Amino acid sequence: MGKIGDIDTLHHITDAWGEFPIKNLEQAASFLRLLHTETDGWVIVDFLDASNWDRIDSWSHDPNRGLLQINWRDFLDEDKSSTISESREMSMMAFPASLYGMIMRFQSIELVKIDKLHFFAFRGYSMTDKEIKKALKPGSEEFHIREHRPFSRELILKTDGQWQLIDFINSALFAALIVPKHTSIPAHASKTLLYQHNLRLVDEALSRAESSLETLNRDDMEGICEKANTIRRNMESILKIECCYREIELRKTYRNALLGDLWGGLKSIHSESIQNTMSRFIEWANGFSHDTGTPVEKVKAESIAMIARMYARFLMEEIMRDWRYPRFRRQEEDYISF
């Protein structure tokens, strides 16, 4: 097999690359080039809201549109050949299309460390179906979008006579994780790590908003409303993570699903006490977002921050109860700083 992306190799890649996070698309392409050079593509790729891969065959990027594409199985060149190899004929039974991959509108790559394990987490932005078609349909002979999972789209397209099956990662969450080989880490553990990382970032944002609130005077209406809206946006992120975890089907896309839409999909599975707390959160959060003609109360902004952080903590505790990988569990208290 040659090179392989085991624990030591991913450590070497971390040291060779140096600085994380990666927020530039050209740098992301260079990082993938380094990764592929050092591993020959033999890494695990697990997704929050899509399938799981055992390798990376190829990658590409589109600087004009900000798109990053990573391919699991790439038979494009082979299928263009006038003679098909025997091995390709056999693989066509499982992989009839010429390309299987994922695309995201790139945002960042972060290094995640747990014990001696290094992982690389990928984050994108959301796009509407109209925007996806505008970016990817030109030049194709056929193009179809199918709602696949809560925050991803399945693209089926035909270009130059070759079929491609692509998952479009359609959220602003860390939704893909490169995992070292030879660790026996199950896919559900990788998903838990992604949930954990996303929730930790939300908690850090909520903590900053709380700290900023403490410095504001009670008569600073604009400042209080601004921080309250930050808290509201982060609560929406928490609920989107929960919808993904519980596999809740939403009527709206990631971008269009707001606080009321998200809670509407989750409300029935929660206790009356949590329902009452969330009703109060939504009422108070709406008060900071709209001209209600009522006083702006700093204490309510502080209260919704506390509710959001506690909700995130309870969700993480529930997710962790489903986690059965001891190598990670012993690091739980160190990693989760709620």
Protein backbone atom coordinates (compact mmCIF):
# COMPACT_ATOMS: atom_id res chain seq x y z
CA MET A 1 0.00 0.00 0.00
CA GLY A 2 2.97 2.37 0.53
CA LYS A 3 2.33 5.51 2.57
CA ILE A 4 -0.57 5.68 4.98
CA GLY A 5 -2.14 8.36 7.18
CA ASP A 6 -1.62 6.77 10.59
CA ILE A 7 -1.21 8.59 13.93
CA ASP A 8 2.48 9.37 13.41
CA THR A 9 1.96 10.60 9.85
CA LEU A 10 -0.80 13.03 10.87
CA HIS A 11 1.53 14.30 13.62
CA HIS A 12 4.21 14.87 10.98
CA ILE A 13 1.72 16.70 8.73
CA THR A 14 0.71 18.93 11.66
CA ASP A 15 4.36 19.82 12.33
CA ALA A 16 5.16 20.30 8.63
CA TRP A 17 2.20 22.60 8.05
CA GLY A 18 2.59 24.60 11.24
CA GLU A 19 -0.17 27.17 11.61
CA PHE A 20 -3.85 26.42 12.13
CA PRO A 21 -6.65 27.30 11.50
CA ILE A 22 -6.47 27.49 7.71
CA LYS A 23 -8.92 30.11 6.43
CA ASN A 24 -7.63 30.69 2.90
CA LEU A 25 -8.84 28.43 0.08
CA GLU A 26 -5.47 28.40 -1.70
CA GLN A 27 -3.80 27.38 1.54
CA ALA A 28 -6.44 24.67 2.02
CA ALA A 29 -5.55 23.27 -1.41
CA SER A 30 -1.85 23.33 -0.47
CA PHE A 31 -2.65 21.54 2.78
CA LEU A 32 -4.53 18.80 0.91
CA ARG A 33 -1.58 18.49 -1.46
CA LEU A 34 0.71 17.94 1.54
CA LEU A 35 -1.74 15.49 3.08
CA HIS A 36 -2.00 13.47 -0.13
CA THR A 37 1.77 13.47 -0.65
CA GLU A 38 2.39 12.13 2.84
CA THR A 39 -0.45 9.57 2.92
CA ASP A 40 -1.21 8.69 -0.72
CA GLY A 41 -4.78 9.53 0.28
CA TRP A 42 -5.00 6.71 2.84
CA VAL A 43 -6.91 8.45 5.64
CA ILE A 44 -10.39 8.10 7.08
CA VAL A 45 -12.90 10.86 6.32
CA ASP A 46 -16.00 10.95 8.51
CA PHE A 47 -18.93 13.32 8.06
CA LEU A 48 -21.48 14.80 10.41
CA ASP A 49 -24.29 14.65 7.89
CA ALA A 50 -23.12 12.34 5.11
CA SER A 51 -21.33 9.05 4.50
CA ASN A 52 -17.89 7.90 5.68
CA TRP A 53 -14.85 7.27 3.49
CA ASP A 54 -11.78 5.07 3.70
CA ARG A 55 -9.53 7.25 1.49
CA ILE A 56 -9.18 10.42 -0.59
CA ASP A 57 -8.54 9.86 -4.30
CA SER A 58 -8.29 13.48 -5.42
CA TRP A 59 -9.28 17.06 -4.68
CA SER A 60 -9.78 20.37 -6.48
CA HIS A 61 -10.71 23.95 -5.67
CA ASP A 62 -12.42 26.83 -7.43
CA PRO A 63 -11.02 30.18 -6.18
CA ASN A 64 -13.62 32.22 -8.08
CA ARG A 65 -16.54 30.52 -6.34
CA GLY A 66 -14.77 29.63 -3.08
CA LEU A 67 -15.49 25.92 -3.51
CA LEU A 68 -13.43 23.01 -2.22
CA GLN A 69 -14.04 19.53 -3.62
CA ILE A 70 -12.63 16.32 -2.11
CA ASN A 71 -13.21 13.03 -3.91
CA TRP A 72 -13.54 9.57 -2.42
CA ARG A 73 -13.52 7.62 -5.68
CA ASP A 74 -12.22 9.28 -8.85
CA PHE A 75 -12.49 7.18 -12.02
CA LEU A 76 -12.76 10.12 -14.43
CA ASP A 77 -9.50 9.53 -16.30
CA GLU A 78 -9.87 5.77 -16.24
CA ASP A 79 -13.43 5.87 -17.57
CA LYS A 80 -12.36 8.14 -20.45
CA SER A 81 -9.91 5.50 -21.64
CA SER A 82 -10.77 3.49 -24.74
CA THR A 83 -10.03 0.31 -22.81
CA ILE A 84 -11.41 -0.33 -19.34
CA SER A 85 -9.25 -2.37 -16.98
CA GLU A 86 -10.54 -5.58 -15.46
CA SER A 87 -10.36 -4.07 -11.97
CA ARG A 88 -12.49 -1.10 -13.09
CA GLU A 89 -15.03 -3.45 -14.67
CA MET A 90 -15.32 -5.19 -11.32
CA SER A 91 -15.57 -1.93 -9.37
CA MET A 92 -18.38 -0.69 -11.64
CA MET A 93 -20.75 -3.06 -9.85
CA ALA A 94 -20.28 -1.02 -6.64
CA PHE A 95 -19.29 2.33 -8.20
CA PRO A 96 -21.08 2.80 -11.54
CA ALA A 97 -20.52 6.58 -11.56
CA SER A 98 -17.16 8.04 -12.53
CA LEU A 99 -16.78 10.32 -9.50
CA TYR A 100 -17.89 10.20 -5.86
CA GLY A 101 -17.06 13.17 -3.68
CA MET A 102 -18.12 16.13 -1.58
CA ILE A 103 -18.12 19.88 -2.15
CA MET A 104 -18.33 22.76 0.31
CA ARG A 105 -18.08 26.50 0.09
CA PHE A 106 -14.88 26.64 2.09
CA GLN A 107 -14.59 28.45 5.42
CA SER A 108 -11.79 26.85 7.44
CA ILE A 109 -9.78 23.80 8.50
CA GLU A 110 -8.94 23.40 12.18
CA LEU A 111 -6.59 21.06 14.01
CA VAL A 112 -8.32 19.08 16.77
CA LYS A 113 -6.15 17.28 19.33
CA ILE A 114 -7.39 14.59 21.68
CA ASP A 115 -4.70 12.85 23.70
CA LYS A 116 -2.07 11.82 21.12
CA LEU A 117 -4.52 11.86 18.22
CA HIS A 118 -4.59 14.63 15.63
CA PHE A 119 -7.65 15.29 13.48
CA PHE A 120 -8.38 17.89 10.80
CA ALA A 121 -11.89 19.37 10.87
CA PHE A 122 -13.42 21.08 7.81
CA ARG A 123 -16.04 23.81 7.89
CA GLY A 124 -17.98 25.43 5.06
CA TYR A 125 -20.80 27.89 4.50
CA SER A 126 -24.41 27.26 3.56
CA MET A 127 -25.73 27.91 0.07
CA THR A 128 -29.23 27.90 -1.36
CA ASP A 129 -30.20 25.38 -4.05
CA LYS A 130 -30.32 28.28 -6.50
CA GLU A 131 -26.75 29.29 -5.61
CA ILE A 132 -25.56 25.67 -5.89
CA LYS A 133 -27.08 25.36 -9.37
CA LYS A 134 -25.57 28.67 -10.47
CA ALA A 135 -22.12 27.55 -9.32
CA LEU A 136 -22.10 23.94 -10.48
CA LYS A 137 -24.67 23.41 -13.22
CA PRO A 138 -22.91 25.29 -16.10
CA GLY A 139 -21.22 22.86 -18.47
CA SER A 140 -23.18 19.83 -17.27
CA GLU A 141 -25.44 17.79 -19.50
CA GLU A 142 -27.71 16.81 -16.61
CA PHE A 143 -27.95 18.26 -13.12
CA HIS A 144 -30.17 17.21 -10.22
CA ILE A 145 -30.31 18.25 -6.56
CA ARG A 146 -31.84 15.95 -3.99
CA GLU A 147 -32.47 16.65 -0.33
CA HIS A 148 -30.22 14.09 1.24
CA ARG A 149 -29.94 14.76 4.97
CA PRO A 150 -30.82 17.74 7.19
CA PHE A 151 -27.82 19.85 6.21
CA SER A 152 -26.49 18.35 2.99
CA ARG A 153 -27.61 17.99 -0.60
CA GLU A 154 -26.94 15.12 -2.98
CA LEU A 155 -25.92 16.31 -6.44
CA ILE A 156 -26.26 14.00 -9.42
CA LEU A 157 -24.68 15.44 -12.54
CA LYS A 158 -23.42 14.33 -15.91
CA THR A 159 -20.47 16.12 -17.49
CA ASP A 160 -18.65 15.05 -20.67
CA GLY A 161 -20.74 11.89 -20.66
CA GLN A 162 -19.62 10.89 -17.15
CA TRP A 163 -21.87 10.64 -14.11
CA GLN A 164 -20.85 12.20 -10.80
CA LEU A 165 -22.40 11.70 -7.37
CA ILE A 166 -21.50 14.55 -5.03
CA ASP A 167 -22.55 15.43 -1.47
CA PHE A 168 -22.78 19.20 -1.03
CA ILE A 169 -22.08 19.99 2.63
CA ASN A 170 -24.62 22.74 3.14
CA SER A 171 -24.05 24.10 6.63
CA ALA A 172 -21.75 26.43 8.55
CA LEU A 173 -20.80 23.68 11.01
CA PHE A 174 -17.59 21.69 11.18
CA ALA A 175 -19.02 18.79 9.22
CA ALA A 176 -16.07 16.72 7.95
CA LEU A 177 -13.20 15.17 9.88
CA ILE A 178 -9.98 13.57 8.66
CA VAL A 179 -9.12 10.71 11.02
CA PRO A 180 -5.87 8.72 11.18
CA LYS A 181 -5.82 5.14 9.96
CA HIS A 182 -5.19 2.15 12.24
CA THR A 183 -7.02 3.58 15.27
CA SER A 184 -10.26 1.58 15.03
CA ILE A 185 -12.20 4.76 15.79
CA PRO A 186 -15.84 4.10 14.86
CA ALA A 187 -17.75 6.61 12.74
CA HIS A 188 -20.11 7.51 15.59
CA ALA A 189 -17.10 8.55 17.71
CA SER A 190 -15.93 10.86 14.93
CA LYS A 191 -19.39 12.38 14.73
CA THR A 192 -19.37 12.93 18.48
CA LEU A 193 -16.03 14.69 18.18
CA LEU A 194 -17.52 16.99 15.53
CA TYR A 195 -20.58 17.70 17.71
CA GLN A 196 -18.25 18.38 20.61
CA HIS A 197 -16.03 20.73 18.63
CA ASN A 198 -18.99 22.68 17.24
CA LEU A 199 -20.61 23.01 20.66
CA ARG A 200 -17.37 24.10 22.24
CA LEU A 201 -17.01 26.92 19.71
CA VAL A 202 -20.60 28.00 20.42
CA ASP A 203 -19.90 27.96 24.16
CA GLU A 204 -16.81 30.12 23.66
CA ALA A 205 -18.86 32.63 21.65
CA LEU A 206 -21.54 32.70 24.36
CA SER A 207 -18.89 33.20 27.03
CA ARG A 208 -17.50 36.21 25.13
CA ALA A 209 -21.01 37.66 24.80
CA GLU A 210 -21.60 37.21 28.53
CA SER A 211 -18.31 38.93 29.35
CA SER A 212 -19.18 41.83 27.07
CA LEU A 213 -22.61 42.16 28.67
CA GLU A 214 -21.02 42.53 32.09
CA THR A 215 -19.16 45.65 30.93
CA LEU A 216 -22.26 47.38 29.55
CA ASN A 217 -24.30 49.97 31.43
CA ARG A 218 -27.95 49.10 31.94
CA ASP A 219 -28.99 52.09 29.81
CA ASP A 220 -26.84 51.00 26.82
CA MET A 221 -29.83 49.70 24.87
CA GLU A 222 -28.04 49.22 21.55
CA GLY A 223 -25.10 47.39 23.13
CA ILE A 224 -27.39 45.06 25.10
CA CYS A 225 -29.53 44.28 22.04
CA GLU A 226 -26.42 43.59 19.96
CA LYS A 227 -25.09 41.06 22.46
CA ALA A 228 -28.55 39.51 22.92
CA ASN A 229 -28.78 38.95 19.16
CA THR A 230 -25.35 37.28 19.24
CA ILE A 231 -26.69 34.96 21.92
CA ARG A 232 -29.78 34.26 19.83
CA ARG A 233 -27.68 33.35 16.76
CA ASN A 234 -25.59 30.97 18.83
CA MET A 235 -28.71 29.36 20.27
CA GLU A 236 -29.82 28.75 16.69
CA SER A 237 -26.46 27.04 16.09
CA ILE A 238 -27.02 24.82 19.14
CA LEU A 239 -30.46 23.81 17.91
CA LYS A 240 -29.12 23.09 14.41
CA ILE A 241 -26.50 20.80 15.94
CA GLU A 242 -29.25 19.09 17.95
CA CYS A 243 -31.43 18.66 14.84
CA CYS A 244 -28.51 17.01 13.08
CA TYR A 245 -27.79 14.77 16.10
CA ARG A 246 -31.43 13.70 16.42
CA GLU A 247 -31.89 13.48 12.62
CA ILE A 248 -34.82 15.89 12.72
CA GLU A 249 -36.19 16.71 9.29
CA LEU A 250 -36.74 20.44 8.87
CA ARG A 251 -38.95 22.10 6.31
CA LYS A 252 -36.38 24.83 5.78
CA THR A 253 -32.72 24.79 4.77
CA TYR A 254 -29.84 25.46 7.17
CA ARG A 255 -29.71 29.10 6.13
CA ASN A 256 -33.45 29.73 6.43
CA ALA A 257 -34.15 27.75 9.61
CA LEU A 258 -34.52 30.31 12.40
CA LEU A 259 -35.11 29.99 16.12
CA GLY A 260 -38.83 29.26 15.94
CA ASP A 261 -38.45 26.78 13.05
CA LEU A 262 -35.72 24.87 14.86
CA TRP A 263 -37.49 24.71 18.20
CA GLY A 264 -40.70 23.70 16.42
CA GLY A 265 -38.93 20.57 15.17
CA LEU A 266 -37.50 19.73 18.60
CA LYS A 267 -40.13 20.86 21.08
CA SER A 268 -42.16 17.64 21.26
CA ILE A 269 -39.21 15.50 22.38
CA HIS A 270 -38.42 17.67 25.41
CA SER A 271 -39.95 17.84 28.87
CA GLU A 272 -42.49 20.44 29.89
CA SER A 273 -39.87 22.18 32.01
CA ILE A 274 -37.50 22.61 29.06
CA GLN A 275 -40.38 23.67 26.84
CA ASN A 276 -41.29 26.42 29.32
CA THR A 277 -37.68 27.57 29.57
CA MET A 278 -37.32 27.71 25.80
CA SER A 279 -40.61 29.58 25.43
CA ARG A 280 -39.23 32.19 27.79
CA PHE A 281 -35.93 32.28 25.87
CA ILE A 282 -37.70 32.82 22.52
CA GLU A 283 -39.98 35.53 23.97
CA TRP A 284 -37.06 37.44 25.48
CA ALA A 285 -34.77 36.93 22.47
CA ASN A 286 -37.50 38.24 20.15
CA GLY A 287 -37.85 41.28 22.38
CA PHE A 288 -34.23 42.23 21.70
CA SER A 289 -34.62 41.75 17.94
CA HIS A 290 -37.80 43.79 17.41
CA ASP A 291 -39.20 47.18 18.34
CA THR A 292 -41.63 46.06 21.02
CA GLY A 293 -41.91 49.43 22.72
CA THR A 294 -40.89 47.88 26.05
CA PRO A 295 -37.77 48.60 28.15
CA VAL A 296 -34.53 46.79 27.24
CA GLU A 297 -33.57 44.84 30.36
CA LYS A 298 -29.95 43.78 30.78
CA VAL A 299 -30.97 41.04 33.21
CA LYS A 300 -33.01 39.32 30.49
CA ALA A 301 -30.01 39.36 28.14
CA GLU A 302 -27.91 37.79 30.90
CA SER A 303 -30.65 35.21 31.46
CA ILE A 304 -30.86 34.10 27.83
CA ALA A 305 -27.06 33.74 27.80
CA MET A 306 -27.26 31.45 30.83
CA ILE A 307 -30.10 29.43 29.26
CA ALA A 308 -28.17 28.98 26.00
CA ARG A 309 -25.00 27.82 27.77
CA MET A 310 -26.90 25.38 29.99
CA TYR A 311 -28.81 24.00 26.99
CA ALA A 312 -25.52 23.41 25.16
CA ARG A 313 -24.08 21.69 28.21
CA PHE A 314 -27.08 19.36 28.63
CA LEU A 315 -26.99 18.50 24.92
CA MET A 316 -23.28 17.70 25.09
CA GLU A 317 -23.80 15.52 28.16
CA GLU A 318 -26.47 13.55 26.33
CA ILE A 319 -24.26 13.14 23.26
CA MET A 320 -21.37 12.00 25.45
CA ARG A 321 -23.54 9.32 27.09
CA ASP A 322 -23.86 7.75 23.64
CA TRP A 323 -20.09 7.81 23.19
CA ARG A 324 -18.40 4.52 23.91
CA TYR A 325 -14.83 5.08 22.76
CA PRO A 326 -12.62 4.94 25.91
CA ARG A 327 -9.61 6.67 24.35
CA PHE A 328 -11.69 9.82 23.97
CA ARG A 329 -13.88 9.51 27.04
CA ARG A 330 -11.00 9.83 29.45
CA GLN A 331 -10.27 13.24 27.89
CA GLU A 332 -13.86 14.41 28.22
CA GLU A 333 -13.40 16.66 31.25
CA ASP A 334 -10.28 18.27 29.78
CA TYR A 335 -11.89 18.95 26.42
CA ILE A 336 -15.35 20.13 27.39
CA SER A 337 -15.01 23.40 29.29
CA PHE A 338 -18.68 24.19 29.78
